[in-house]
C-alpha atoms as a PDB file:
ATOM      1  CA  MET A   1      13.988  52.297  78.473  1.00  0.00           C
ATOM      2  CA  ASN A   2      12.819  49.122  76.713  1.00  0.00           C
ATOM      3  CA  LYS A   3       9.780  50.183  74.730  1.00  0.00           C
ATOM      4  CA  VAL A   4       8.904  46.573  74.053  1.00  0.00           C
ATOM      5  CA  ARG A   5       8.250  45.967  77.772  1.00  0.00           C
ATOM      6  CA  VAL A   6       6.270  49.115  78.501  1.00  0.00           C
ATOM      7  CA  PRO A   7       3.183  48.194  80.597  1.00  0.00           C
ATOM      8  CA  GLN A   8       0.051  48.227  78.441  1.00  0.00           C
ATOM      9  CA  HIS A   9      -2.145  49.478  81.273  1.00  0.00           C
ATOM     10  CA  VAL A  10      -0.940  51.673  84.119  1.00  0.00           C
ATOM     11  CA  ALA A  11      -3.154  52.569  87.063  1.00  0.00           C
ATOM     12  CA  ILE A  12      -2.247  55.446  89.399  1.00  0.00           C
ATOM     13  CA  ILE A  13      -3.549  56.401  92.834  1.00  0.00           C
ATOM     14  CA  MET A  14      -2.806  60.131  92.826  1.00  0.00           C
ATOM     15  CA  ASP A  15      -2.229  60.798  96.517  1.00  0.00           C
ATOM     16  CA  GLY A  16      -0.723  63.597  98.544  1.00  0.00           C
ATOM     17  CA  ASN A  17      -2.062  66.892  97.145  1.00  0.00           C
ATOM     18  CA  GLY A  18      -3.124  68.110 100.583  1.00  0.00           C
ATOM     19  CA  ARG A  19       0.067  67.062 102.342  1.00  0.00           C
ATOM     20  CA  TRP A  20       2.182  68.645  99.637  1.00  0.00           C
ATOM     21  CA  ALA A  21       0.297  71.920 100.070  1.00  0.00           C
ATOM     22  CA  LYS A  22       0.470  71.759 103.890  1.00  0.00           C
ATOM     23  CA  ALA A  23       4.233  71.304 103.758  1.00  0.00           C
ATOM     24  CA  ARG A  24       4.343  74.655 101.885  1.00  0.00           C
ATOM     25  CA  ARG A  25       1.924  76.311 104.318  1.00  0.00           C
ATOM     26  CA  MET A  26      -0.649  76.632 101.593  1.00  0.00           C
ATOM     27  CA  PRO A  27      -4.343  75.588 101.515  1.00  0.00           C
ATOM     28  CA  ARG A  28      -5.324  72.151 100.236  1.00  0.00           C
ATOM     29  CA  SER A  29      -6.829  73.755  97.149  1.00  0.00           C
ATOM     30  CA  TYR A  30      -3.320  74.838  96.106  1.00  0.00           C
ATOM     31  CA  GLY A  31      -2.257  71.177  96.152  1.00  0.00           C
ATOM     32  CA  HIS A  32      -5.230  70.088  94.093  1.00  0.00           C
ATOM     33  CA  LEU A  33      -4.629  72.764  91.458  1.00  0.00           C
ATOM     34  CA  ASN A  34      -0.993  71.743  91.113  1.00  0.00           C
ATOM     35  CA  GLY A  35      -2.107  68.090  90.990  1.00  0.00           C
ATOM     36  CA  VAL A  36      -4.203  68.883  87.933  1.00  0.00           C
ATOM     37  CA  LYS A  37      -1.125  70.233  86.186  1.00  0.00           C
ATOM     38  CA  ARG A  38       0.731  67.043  86.927  1.00  0.00           C
ATOM     39  CA  VAL A  39      -2.043  65.012  85.321  1.00  0.00           C
ATOM     40  CA  ASP A  40      -1.387  66.772  82.021  1.00  0.00           C
ATOM     41  CA  GLU A  41       2.327  65.928  82.200  1.00  0.00           C
ATOM     42  CA  ILE A  42       1.842  62.280  83.054  1.00  0.00           C
ATOM     43  CA  VAL A  43      -0.881  61.683  80.422  1.00  0.00           C
ATOM     44  CA  ALA A  44       1.411  63.122  77.742  1.00  0.00           C
ATOM     45  CA  ALA A  45       4.408  61.081  79.008  1.00  0.00           C
ATOM     46  CA  ALA A  46       2.379  57.822  79.095  1.00  0.00           C
ATOM     47  CA  GLN A  47       1.245  58.344  75.497  1.00  0.00           C
ATOM     48  CA  ARG A  48       4.793  59.010  74.301  1.00  0.00           C
ATOM     49  CA  MET A  49       6.074  55.889  76.054  1.00  0.00           C
ATOM     50  CA  GLY A  50       3.511  53.700  74.338  1.00  0.00           C
ATOM     51  CA  VAL A  51       1.159  52.986  77.234  1.00  0.00           C
ATOM     52  CA  LYS A  52      -2.188  51.850  75.838  1.00  0.00           C
ATOM     53  CA  ALA A  53      -4.383  52.631  78.842  1.00  0.00           C
ATOM     54  CA  LEU A  54      -3.902  54.939  81.845  1.00  0.00           C
ATOM     55  CA  THR A  55      -6.378  54.781  84.739  1.00  0.00           C
ATOM     56  CA  LEU A  56      -6.237  57.632  87.270  1.00  0.00           C
ATOM     57  CA  PHE A  57      -8.030  57.409  90.641  1.00  0.00           C
ATOM     58  CA  ALA A  58      -9.352  60.944  90.879  1.00  0.00           C
ATOM     59  CA  PHE A  59     -12.217  60.813  93.370  1.00  0.00           C
ATOM     60  CA  SER A  60     -13.428  57.856  95.428  1.00  0.00           C
ATOM     61  CA  SER A  61     -16.914  57.153  96.610  1.00  0.00           C
ATOM     62  CA  GLU A  62     -15.558  57.802 100.133  1.00  0.00           C
ATOM     63  CA  ASN A  63     -14.187  61.278  99.258  1.00  0.00           C
ATOM     64  CA  TRP A  64     -17.637  62.852  99.672  1.00  0.00           C
ATOM     65  CA  LYS A  65     -16.900  62.759 103.411  1.00  0.00           C
ATOM     66  CA  ARG A  66     -14.306  65.486 103.013  1.00  0.00           C
ATOM     67  CA  PRO A  67     -15.179  69.094 103.980  1.00  0.00           C
ATOM     68  CA  LYS A  68     -17.950  70.522 101.747  1.00  0.00           C
ATOM     69  CA  ALA A  69     -15.809  73.513 100.677  1.00  0.00           C
ATOM     70  CA  GLU A  70     -13.001  71.226  99.504  1.00  0.00           C
ATOM     71  CA  VAL A  71     -15.389  68.905  97.632  1.00  0.00           C
ATOM     72  CA  SER A  72     -17.110  71.889  95.972  1.00  0.00           C
ATOM     73  CA  MET A  73     -13.729  73.249  94.863  1.00  0.00           C
ATOM     74  CA  LEU A  74     -12.715  69.848  93.465  1.00  0.00           C
ATOM     75  CA  MET A  75     -15.969  69.565  91.466  1.00  0.00           C
ATOM     76  CA  LYS A  76     -15.570  73.051  89.944  1.00  0.00           C
ATOM     77  CA  THR A  77     -11.917  72.494  89.157  1.00  0.00           C
ATOM     78  CA  LEU A  78     -12.672  69.148  87.451  1.00  0.00           C
ATOM     79  CA  ALA A  79     -15.499  70.571  85.369  1.00  0.00           C
ATOM     80  CA  SER A  80     -13.564  73.614  84.171  1.00  0.00           C
ATOM     81  CA  ASN A  81     -10.438  71.639  83.361  1.00  0.00           C
ATOM     82  CA  LEU A  82     -12.313  68.856  81.579  1.00  0.00           C
ATOM     83  CA  ASP A  83     -13.953  71.305  79.198  1.00  0.00           C
ATOM     84  CA  ARG A  84     -10.500  72.630  78.321  1.00  0.00           C
ATOM     85  CA  LYS A  85      -8.723  69.307  78.297  1.00  0.00           C
ATOM     86  CA  ALA A  86     -11.249  67.463  76.120  1.00  0.00           C
ATOM     87  CA  LYS A  87     -10.144  69.479  73.079  1.00  0.00           C
ATOM     88  CA  GLU A  88      -6.489  68.632  73.727  1.00  0.00           C
ATOM     89  CA  LEU A  89      -7.208  64.909  74.267  1.00  0.00           C
ATOM     90  CA  HIS A  90      -9.167  64.831  71.028  1.00  0.00           C
ATOM     91  CA  ARG A  91      -6.305  66.509  69.171  1.00  0.00           C
ATOM     92  CA  LEU A  92      -3.872  63.904  70.513  1.00  0.00           C
ATOM     93  CA  GLY A  93      -6.198  61.013  69.559  1.00  0.00           C
ATOM     94  CA  ILE A  94      -6.706  59.983  73.203  1.00  0.00           C
ATOM     95  CA  ARG A  95      -9.997  58.379  74.185  1.00  0.00           C
ATOM     96  CA  PHE A  96     -11.428  59.547  77.468  1.00  0.00           C
ATOM     97  CA  LYS A  97     -13.574  57.232  79.645  1.00  0.00           C
ATOM     98  CA  VAL A  98     -15.028  57.402  83.161  1.00  0.00           C
ATOM     99  CA  ILE A  99     -15.613  54.549  85.602  1.00  0.00           C
ATOM    100  CA  GLY A 100     -17.753  54.921  88.731  1.00  0.00           C
ATOM    101  CA  ARG A 101     -21.315  55.693  89.614  1.00  0.00           C
ATOM    102  CA  SER A 102     -23.078  58.831  88.454  1.00  0.00           C
ATOM    103  CA  GLU A 103     -25.480  59.037  91.384  1.00  0.00           C
ATOM    104  CA  GLY A 104     -24.793  62.078  93.573  1.00  0.00           C
ATOM    105  CA  VAL A 105     -22.438  63.750  91.100  1.00  0.00           C
ATOM    106  CA  PRO A 106     -23.305  67.446  90.418  1.00  0.00           C
ATOM    107  CA  ASP A 107     -24.934  68.057  87.024  1.00  0.00           C
ATOM    108  CA  LEU A 108     -22.148  70.413  86.029  1.00  0.00           C
ATOM    109  CA  VAL A 109     -19.576  67.708  86.474  1.00  0.00           C
ATOM    110  CA  LEU A 110     -21.701  65.012  84.824  1.00  0.00           C
ATOM    111  CA  ARG A 111     -22.138  67.185  81.722  1.00  0.00           C
ATOM    112  CA  SER A 112     -18.401  67.809  81.533  1.00  0.00           C
ATOM    113  CA  LEU A 113     -17.624  64.085  81.893  1.00  0.00           C
ATOM    114  CA  GLU A 114     -20.175  63.123  79.277  1.00  0.00           C
ATOM    115  CA  ASN A 115     -19.047  65.793  76.836  1.00  0.00           C
ATOM    116  CA  ALA A 116     -15.392  64.716  77.152  1.00  0.00           C
ATOM    117  CA  GLN A 117     -16.337  61.080  76.558  1.00  0.00           C
ATOM    118  CA  GLU A 118     -18.547  61.951  73.605  1.00  0.00           C
ATOM    119  CA  LYS A 119     -15.945  64.199  71.982  1.00  0.00           C
ATOM    120  CA  THR A 120     -13.197  61.609  72.138  1.00  0.00           C
ATOM    121  CA  HIS A 121     -15.301  58.479  71.612  1.00  0.00           C
ATOM    122  CA  GLY A 122     -14.028  57.762  68.122  1.00  0.00           C
ATOM    123  CA  ASN A 123     -10.321  58.144  68.949  1.00  0.00           C
ATOM    124  CA  ASN A 124      -8.142  55.054  68.774  1.00  0.00           C
ATOM    125  CA  GLY A 125      -5.035  56.208  70.646  1.00  0.00           C
ATOM    126  CA  MET A 126      -4.348  55.726  74.355  1.00  0.00           C
ATOM    127  CA  THR A 127      -7.356  55.379  76.649  1.00  0.00           C
ATOM    128  CA  LEU A 128      -7.427  57.777  79.587  1.00  0.00           C
ATOM    129  CA  ASN A 129      -9.656  56.173  82.161  1.00  0.00           C
ATOM    130  CA  LEU A 130     -10.817  58.409  85.032  1.00  0.00           C
ATOM    131  CA  ALA A 131     -12.023  56.668  88.200  1.00  0.00           C
ATOM    132  CA  PHE A 132     -14.500  59.165  89.574  1.00  0.00           C
ATOM    133  CA  ASN A 133     -17.037  58.586  92.346  1.00  0.00           C
ATOM    134  CA  TYR A 134     -15.497  55.132  92.204  1.00  0.00           C
ATOM    135  CA  GLY A 135     -15.162  52.324  94.715  1.00  0.00           C
ATOM    136  CA  ALA A 136     -14.050  48.785  93.833  1.00  0.00           C
ATOM    137  CA  ARG A 137     -16.460  47.060  96.217  1.00  0.00           C
ATOM    138  CA  GLN A 138     -19.421  48.952  94.729  1.00  0.00           C
ATOM    139  CA  GLU A 139     -18.125  48.034  91.267  1.00  0.00           C
ATOM    140  CA  ILE A 140     -18.151  44.360  92.223  1.00  0.00           C
ATOM    141  CA  VAL A 141     -21.661  44.749  93.716  1.00  0.00           C
ATOM    142  CA  ASP A 142     -22.868  46.295  90.450  1.00  0.00           C
ATOM    143  CA  ALA A 143     -21.256  43.401  88.520  1.00  0.00           C
ATOM    144  CA  VAL A 144     -22.931  40.811  90.702  1.00  0.00           C
ATOM    145  CA  ARG A 145     -26.273  42.546  90.224  1.00  0.00           C
ATOM    146  CA  LYS A 146     -25.837  42.548  86.438  1.00  0.00           C
ATOM    147  CA  ILE A 147     -24.874  38.874  86.386  1.00  0.00           C
ATOM    148  CA  ALA A 148     -27.796  37.939  88.664  1.00  0.00           C
ATOM    149  CA  SER A 149     -30.180  39.902  86.469  1.00  0.00           C
ATOM    150  CA  ASP A 150     -28.920  38.193  83.300  1.00  0.00           C
ATOM    151  CA  ALA A 151     -29.302  34.801  84.996  1.00  0.00           C
ATOM    152  CA  LYS A 152     -32.815  35.619  86.168  1.00  0.00           C
ATOM    153  CA  LYS A 153     -33.818  36.688  82.635  1.00  0.00           C
ATOM    154  CA  GLY A 154     -32.427  33.434  81.214  1.00  0.00           C
ATOM    155  CA  LYS A 155     -29.627  35.190  79.335  1.00  0.00           C
ATOM    156  CA  LEU A 156     -26.955  33.355  81.360  1.00  0.00           C
ATOM    157  CA  ARG A 157     -26.730  29.863  82.857  1.00  0.00           C
ATOM    158  CA  VAL A 158     -25.347  29.875  86.383  1.00  0.00           C
ATOM    159  CA  GLU A 159     -22.946  27.004  85.687  1.00  0.00           C
ATOM    160  CA  LYS A 160     -21.439  29.034  82.845  1.00  0.00           C
ATOM    161  CA  ILE A 161     -20.388  31.882  85.111  1.00  0.00           C
ATOM    162  CA  ASP A 162     -16.587  32.168  85.092  1.00  0.00           C
ATOM    163  CA  GLU A 163     -13.866  34.810  85.534  1.00  0.00           C
ATOM    164  CA  LYS A 164     -14.542  36.263  82.107  1.00  0.00           C
ATOM    165  CA  THR A 165     -18.210  36.674  83.018  1.00  0.00           C
ATOM    166  CA  VAL A 166     -17.224  38.747  86.020  1.00  0.00           C
ATOM    167  CA  SER A 167     -14.619  40.759  84.140  1.00  0.00           C
ATOM    168  CA  ASP A 168     -17.142  41.548  81.385  1.00  0.00           C
ATOM    169  CA  ALA A 169     -19.582  42.888  84.017  1.00  0.00           C
ATOM    170  CA  LEU A 170     -17.073  45.331  85.525  1.00  0.00           C
ATOM    171  CA  TYR A 171     -16.727  49.016  84.619  1.00  0.00           C
ATOM    172  CA  THR A 172     -13.407  48.220  82.908  1.00  0.00           C
ATOM    173  CA  LYS A 173     -14.782  45.489  80.602  1.00  0.00           C
ATOM    174  CA  ASP A 174     -13.225  47.049  77.492  1.00  0.00           C
ATOM    175  CA  LEU A 175      -9.729  47.399  78.972  1.00  0.00           C
ATOM    176  CA  PRO A 176      -6.960  44.911  79.775  1.00  0.00           C
ATOM    177  CA  ASP A 177      -6.146  44.473  83.471  1.00  0.00           C
ATOM    178  CA  PRO A 178      -3.463  46.860  84.753  1.00  0.00           C
ATOM    179  CA  ASP A 179       0.142  45.661  84.503  1.00  0.00           C
ATOM    180  CA  LEU A 180       1.379  48.290  86.940  1.00  0.00           C
ATOM    181  CA  LEU A 181      -0.140  50.175  89.887  1.00  0.00           C
ATOM    182  CA  ILE A 182       1.589  53.342  91.067  1.00  0.00           C
ATOM    183  CA  ARG A 183       0.717  55.049  94.347  1.00  0.00           C
ATOM    184  CA  THR A 184       2.282  58.296  95.377  1.00  0.00           C
ATOM    185  CA  SER A 185       2.787  59.932  98.807  1.00  0.00           C
ATOM    186  CA  GLY A 186       4.253  56.969 100.651  1.00  0.00           C
ATOM    187  CA  GLU A 187       1.028  55.073 101.400  1.00  0.00           C
ATOM    188  CA  MET A 188       1.171  51.344 100.817  1.00  0.00           C
ATOM    189  CA  ARG A 189      -2.428  50.252 100.287  1.00  0.00           C
ATOM    190  CA  ILE A 190      -4.804  50.175  97.340  1.00  0.00           C
ATOM    191  CA  SER A 191      -7.731  51.921  99.063  1.00  0.00           C
ATOM    192  CA  ASN A 192     -10.653  50.107  97.417  1.00  0.00           C
ATOM    193  CA  PHE A 193      -9.248  50.597  93.894  1.00  0.00           C
ATOM    194  CA  LEU A 194      -9.615  48.003  91.129  1.00  0.00           C
ATOM    195  CA  LEU A 195      -9.667  45.078  93.543  1.00  0.00           C
ATOM    196  CA  TRP A 196     -10.481  42.471  90.889  1.00  0.00           C
ATOM    197  CA  GLN A 197      -8.351  43.963  88.095  1.00  0.00           C
ATOM    198  CA  LEU A 198      -5.137  44.322  90.137  1.00  0.00           C
ATOM    199  CA  SER A 199      -4.846  40.592  90.921  1.00  0.00           C
ATOM    200  CA  TYR A 200      -1.600  40.197  88.981  1.00  0.00           C
ATOM    201  CA  ALA A 201      -0.391  43.819  88.725  1.00  0.00           C
ATOM    202  CA  GLU A 202       3.041  44.903  89.852  1.00  0.00           C
ATOM    203  CA  PHE A 203       2.930  47.555  92.610  1.00  0.00           C
ATOM    204  CA  TYR A 204       5.163  50.592  92.804  1.00  0.00           C
ATOM    205  CA  PHE A 205       5.064  52.926  95.818  1.00  0.00           C
ATOM    206  CA  THR A 206       6.868  56.259  96.020  1.00  0.00           C
ATOM    207  CA  ASN A 207       7.228  58.863  98.773  1.00  0.00           C
ATOM    208  CA  LYS A 208       6.785  61.641  96.217  1.00  0.00           C
ATOM    209  CA  HIS A 209       3.495  63.492  96.616  1.00  0.00           C
ATOM    210  CA  TRP A 210       1.377  63.673  93.471  1.00  0.00           C
ATOM    211  CA  PRO A 211       2.171  67.359  92.654  1.00  0.00           C
ATOM    212  CA  GLU A 212       5.860  66.456  92.555  1.00  0.00           C
ATOM    213  CA  PHE A 213       5.441  63.172  90.604  1.00  0.00           C
ATOM    214  CA  THR A 214       7.109  64.372  87.390  1.00  0.00           C
ATOM    215  CA  GLU A 215       7.688  62.596  84.086  1.00  0.00           C
ATOM    216  CA  LYS A 216      11.101  61.628  85.437  1.00  0.00           C
ATOM    217  CA  GLU A 217       9.479  59.909  88.395  1.00  0.00           C
ATOM    218  CA  PHE A 218       7.025  58.174  86.097  1.00  0.00           C
ATOM    219  CA  GLN A 219       9.967  56.871  84.044  1.00  0.00           C
ATOM    220  CA  LYS A 220      11.534  55.509  87.221  1.00  0.00           C
ATOM    221  CA  ALA A 221       8.356  53.534  87.875  1.00  0.00           C
ATOM    222  CA  ILE A 222       8.345  52.115  84.363  1.00  0.00           C
ATOM    223  CA  LEU A 223      12.004  51.162  84.575  1.00  0.00           C
ATOM    224  CA  ASP A 224      11.367  49.439  87.910  1.00  0.00           C
ATOM    225  CA  PHE A 225       8.523  47.482  86.297  1.00  0.00           C
ATOM    226  CA  GLN A 226      10.768  46.435  83.434  1.00  0.00           C
ATOM    227  CA  GLY A 227      13.279  45.014  85.920  1.00  0.00           C
ATOM    228  CA  ARG A 228      10.805  42.619  87.409  1.00  0.00           C
ATOM    229  CA  GLN A 229       9.981  39.067  86.286  1.00  0.00           C
ATOM    230  CA  ARG A 230       6.226  38.498  86.091  1.00  0.00           C
ATOM    231  CA  ARG A 231       5.474  34.806  86.713  1.00  0.00           C
ATOM    232  CA  TYR A 232       1.696  34.760  87.363  1.00  0.00           C
ATOM    233  CA  GLY A 233       2.104  31.999  89.939  1.00  0.00           C
ATOM    234  CA  ALA A 234       4.668  29.954  87.946  1.00  0.00           C
ATOM    235  CA  ALA A 235       8.123  29.129  89.179  1.00  0.00           C
ATOM    236  CA  ARG A 236      11.047  31.401  88.375  1.00  0.00           C
ATOM    237  CA  SER A 237      12.670  30.433  85.101  1.00  0.00           C
ATOM    238  CA  LYS A 238      16.271  29.244  85.087  1.00  0.00           C
ATOM    239  CA  LYS A 239      17.245  32.189  82.951  1.00  0.00           C
ATOM    240  CA  GLY A 240      15.693  34.557  85.537  1.00  0.00           C
END
């Protein structure tokens, strides 16, 4: 693997926990619990490879529509694992951040998310970015509201609004745009995830469900990325 060409920012849609569990005649909760274990492995692998930022799509703003029992289990699992994981992230020098809205999130989960961010705030290693209660369209709406508010207050001239203005108003303002998007479980869509930020990202889709997406599978995705020529709209070079 060429460590010089490791993507600086990798975004992952962690899909397939329920299907993986169903294939084993187990409840969906079994898939989610095994999915949590896989997060630990991939976070550690990404840091070793030199990835600077890793964004994981953990819970979308649409996921509240799932059965109440499943959502409740997910919330409790997240809270209990975050309290444990925050210490490990801090030890490794990883900075933990959350993107998404806080409205409607249970207090127990909010406290865990806030504590993990506070504990790792001063770290300068890889950034682990958790997309929780997140939707890209609502993110863009929030950005538009902020820009409109700044313009109304006279802090911003309308004719000065450009792409950087929008990027700086998004939840990910402190992060570079993703170089690589990975989606597991065979689905080939981005499901309202980082719509603005993924404009020039490379996409990698795999049939592996998230609980079976091992470090080896992650390495395959990185190697596939390294084999591509990123042109950003320019013509292919003669050397390519």
